Each structure stands twice: as C-alpha cells, then as structure tokens.
Amino acid sequence: MKRRHWSADEKLSILQEAETAGITATIRKHGIYSNTFYQWKEQYETGGREALASKHYSVDPQLKRLQKENQQLKELLAEKELALRIKEELLIKSTLRKQIGS
C-alpha cells in the first residue's frame, strides 16, 4: 500500500471532523492509524496549523544527478591525490637511499 501524504488543510479538516463525528469513526473513514491522528492533534495543539504542514519535499532529479556526479568527482580527486602522495613519498625514500648509498 502506498503511503499517502496529507496536506495541512486535510489534516485540519480530519481533526475538526473527529470532534463532531468521533475519533474512531473518523480514522476508519479516512483510513489512518490512531497514532497518526494523535500525532496530528499534538502537532496542532503545540504549533498550530503551520506544524501540520508536510515535511516531505521532492528532490529535483537534476539536482540529485549533480550531487551524485559531484560525489564521484570528489572520490576520483581523493584517489588521485593519494596516488600522488604515495609517489612523492617513494621518490623521497629513493633519493635518500641514493644519498646514503653514495
């Protein structure tokens, strides 16, 4: 079953309907869990209508692609820098050996 995202207005109307029609009948009618109803009620009582606003935001696919590409480039850069650092350390060690051996 797919999750449903309720708008703040829908949540508020369900809370108001529960006051008149009763909580049990209302949650059955709308197919929501009692825990969900009481969470909405608590959010409304503490933060008002703004607290009922959905926290679910969709991410732009292009932004997601760019973030993935950026992460791949960071990993590639880290690998290159590590390889360069290893080569520099080997070069230093080999020049020291040559100086000691001479």
C-alpha atoms as a PDB file:
ATOM      1  CA  MET A   1       0.000   0.000   0.000  1.00  0.00           C
ATOM      2  CA  LYS A   2       1.362   3.379  -0.998  1.00  0.00           C
ATOM      3  CA  ARG A   3       1.800   5.991   1.715  1.00  0.00           C
ATOM      4  CA  ARG A   4      -0.418   8.999   1.432  1.00  0.00           C
ATOM      5  CA  HIS A   5       0.813  12.493   2.181  1.00  0.00           C
ATOM      6  CA  TRP A   6      -1.859  14.707   3.677  1.00  0.00           C
ATOM      7  CA  SER A   7      -1.871  18.465   3.287  1.00  0.00           C
ATOM      8  CA  ALA A   8      -2.194  20.708   6.320  1.00  0.00           C
ATOM      9  CA  ASP A   9      -5.759  21.588   5.309  1.00  0.00           C
ATOM     10  CA  GLU A  10      -6.740  17.923   5.025  1.00  0.00           C
ATOM     11  CA  LYS A  11      -5.231  17.141   8.423  1.00  0.00           C
ATOM     12  CA  LEU A  12      -7.040  20.069   9.988  1.00  0.00           C
ATOM     13  CA  SER A  13     -10.381  19.069   8.489  1.00  0.00           C
ATOM     14  CA  ILE A  14      -9.922  15.494   9.774  1.00  0.00           C
ATOM     15  CA  LEU A  15      -9.168  16.830  13.265  1.00  0.00           C
ATOM     16  CA  GLN A  16     -12.278  19.009  13.151  1.00  0.00           C
ATOM     17  CA  GLU A  17     -14.391  16.164  11.806  1.00  0.00           C
ATOM     18  CA  ALA A  18     -13.210  13.929  14.660  1.00  0.00           C
ATOM     19  CA  GLU A  19     -14.532  16.468  17.171  1.00  0.00           C
ATOM     20  CA  THR A  20     -18.055  16.191  15.753  1.00  0.00           C
ATOM     21  CA  ALA A  21     -18.239  12.627  14.381  1.00  0.00           C
ATOM     22  CA  GLY A  22     -15.949  10.923  16.876  1.00  0.00           C
ATOM     23  CA  ILE A  23     -12.349   9.817  16.599  1.00  0.00           C
ATOM     24  CA  THR A  24     -12.926   6.131  15.833  1.00  0.00           C
ATOM     25  CA  ALA A  25     -15.417   6.766  13.036  1.00  0.00           C
ATOM     26  CA  THR A  26     -13.231   9.468  11.501  1.00  0.00           C
ATOM     27  CA  ILE A  27      -9.998   7.462  11.425  1.00  0.00           C
ATOM     28  CA  ARG A  28     -11.835   4.478   9.923  1.00  0.00           C
ATOM     29  CA  LYS A  29     -13.447   6.687   7.300  1.00  0.00           C
ATOM     30  CA  HIS A  30     -10.122   8.164   6.222  1.00  0.00           C
ATOM     31  CA  GLY A  31      -8.053   5.001   6.721  1.00  0.00           C
ATOM     32  CA  ILE A  32      -5.492   6.455   9.098  1.00  0.00           C
ATOM     33  CA  TYR A  33      -3.991   4.964  12.240  1.00  0.00           C
ATOM     34  CA  SER A  34      -4.951   6.291  15.641  1.00  0.00           C
ATOM     35  CA  ASN A  35      -1.275   7.071  16.337  1.00  0.00           C
ATOM     36  CA  THR A  36      -1.194   9.261  13.241  1.00  0.00           C
ATOM     37  CA  PHE A  37      -4.335  11.075  14.348  1.00  0.00           C
ATOM     38  CA  TYR A  38      -2.953  11.761  17.822  1.00  0.00           C
ATOM     39  CA  GLN A  39       0.376  12.950  16.373  1.00  0.00           C
ATOM     40  CA  TRP A  40      -1.507  15.425  14.188  1.00  0.00           C
ATOM     41  CA  LYS A  41      -3.582  16.519  17.169  1.00  0.00           C
ATOM     42  CA  GLU A  42      -0.472  17.094  19.283  1.00  0.00           C
ATOM     43  CA  GLN A  43       1.277  18.959  16.453  1.00  0.00           C
ATOM     44  CA  TYR A  44      -1.774  21.181  16.010  1.00  0.00           C
ATOM     45  CA  GLU A  45      -2.075  21.889  19.721  1.00  0.00           C
ATOM     46  CA  THR A  46       1.610  22.781  20.102  1.00  0.00           C
ATOM     47  CA  GLY A  47       2.381  24.529  16.821  1.00  0.00           C
ATOM     48  CA  GLY A  48      -0.919  25.414  15.184  1.00  0.00           C
ATOM     49  CA  ARG A  49      -1.722  24.962  11.514  1.00  0.00           C
ATOM     50  CA  GLU A  50       1.896  25.510  10.422  1.00  0.00           C
ATOM     51  CA  ALA A  51       3.006  22.467  12.430  1.00  0.00           C
ATOM     52  CA  LEU A  52       0.671  20.286  10.353  1.00  0.00           C
ATOM     53  CA  ALA A  53       2.449  21.194   7.116  1.00  0.00           C
ATOM     54  CA  SER A  54       4.089  18.233   5.440  1.00  0.00           C
ATOM     55  CA  LYS A  55       7.821  17.862   5.916  1.00  0.00           C
ATOM     56  CA  HIS A  56       8.065  15.815   2.734  1.00  0.00           C
ATOM     57  CA  TYR A  57       9.826  17.591  -0.116  1.00  0.00           C
ATOM     58  CA  SER A  58      10.566  16.133  -3.511  1.00  0.00           C
ATOM     59  CA  VAL A  59      14.119  16.497  -4.806  1.00  0.00           C
ATOM     60  CA  ASP A  60      14.719  17.733  -8.322  1.00  0.00           C
ATOM     61  CA  PRO A  61      16.112  14.827 -10.399  1.00  0.00           C
ATOM     62  CA  GLN A  62      18.707  17.090 -11.993  1.00  0.00           C
ATOM     63  CA  LEU A  63      19.906  18.224  -8.560  1.00  0.00           C
ATOM     64  CA  LYS A  64      20.143  14.607  -7.427  1.00  0.00           C
ATOM     65  CA  ARG A  65      22.158  13.707 -10.561  1.00  0.00           C
ATOM     66  CA  LEU A  66      24.509  16.636  -9.999  1.00  0.00           C
ATOM     67  CA  GLN A  67      25.017  15.671  -6.350  1.00  0.00           C
ATOM     68  CA  LYS A  68      25.892  12.118  -7.394  1.00  0.00           C
ATOM     69  CA  GLU A  69      28.296  13.371 -10.062  1.00  0.00           C
ATOM     70  CA  ASN A  70      29.889  15.748  -7.544  1.00  0.00           C
ATOM     71  CA  GLN A  71      30.426  12.879  -5.081  1.00  0.00           C
ATOM     72  CA  GLN A  72      32.029  10.752  -7.812  1.00  0.00           C
ATOM     73  CA  LEU A  73      34.370  13.599  -8.736  1.00  0.00           C
ATOM     74  CA  LYS A  74      35.368  14.088  -5.092  1.00  0.00           C
ATOM     75  CA  GLU A  75      36.178  10.378  -4.783  1.00  0.00           C
ATOM     76  CA  LEU A  76      38.209  10.466  -8.013  1.00  0.00           C
ATOM     77  CA  LEU A  77      40.148  13.508  -6.810  1.00  0.00           C
ATOM     78  CA  ALA A  78      40.871  11.826  -3.472  1.00  0.00           C
ATOM     79  CA  GLU A  79      42.201   8.727  -5.253  1.00  0.00           C
ATOM     80  CA  LYS A  80      44.451  10.843  -7.499  1.00  0.00           C
ATOM     81  CA  GLU A  81      45.801  12.832  -4.549  1.00  0.00           C
ATOM     82  CA  LEU A  82      46.530   9.626  -2.646  1.00  0.00           C
ATOM     83  CA  ALA A  83      48.400   8.169  -5.625  1.00  0.00           C
ATOM     84  CA  LEU A  84      50.391  11.397  -5.993  1.00  0.00           C
ATOM     85  CA  ARG A  85      51.272  11.431  -2.289  1.00  0.00           C
ATOM     86  CA  ILE A  86      52.467   7.808  -2.456  1.00  0.00           C
ATOM     87  CA  LYS A  87      54.646   8.600  -5.489  1.00  0.00           C
ATOM     88  CA  GLU A  88      56.157  11.617  -3.715  1.00  0.00           C
ATOM     89  CA  GLU A  89      56.955   9.544  -0.630  1.00  0.00           C
ATOM     90  CA  LEU A  90      58.584   6.832  -2.768  1.00  0.00           C
ATOM     91  CA  LEU A  91      60.616   9.455  -4.598  1.00  0.00           C
ATOM     92  CA  ILE A  92      61.835  10.935  -1.302  1.00  0.00           C
ATOM     93  CA  LYS A  93      62.769   7.482   0.020  1.00  0.00           C
ATOM     94  CA  SER A  94      64.620   6.537  -3.162  1.00  0.00           C
ATOM     95  CA  THR A  95      66.624   9.790  -3.205  1.00  0.00           C
ATOM     96  CA  LEU A  96      67.524   9.293   0.478  1.00  0.00           C
ATOM     97  CA  ARG A  97      68.720   5.753  -0.256  1.00  0.00           C
ATOM     98  CA  LYS A  98      70.851   7.003  -3.123  1.00  0.00           C
ATOM     99  CA  GLN A  99      72.393   9.695  -0.892  1.00  0.00           C
ATOM    100  CA  ILE A 100      73.108   7.197   1.906  1.00  0.00           C
ATOM    101  CA  GLY A 101      74.482   4.606  -0.524  1.00  0.00           C
ATOM    102  CA  SER A 102      76.861   7.066  -2.204  1.00  0.00           C
END
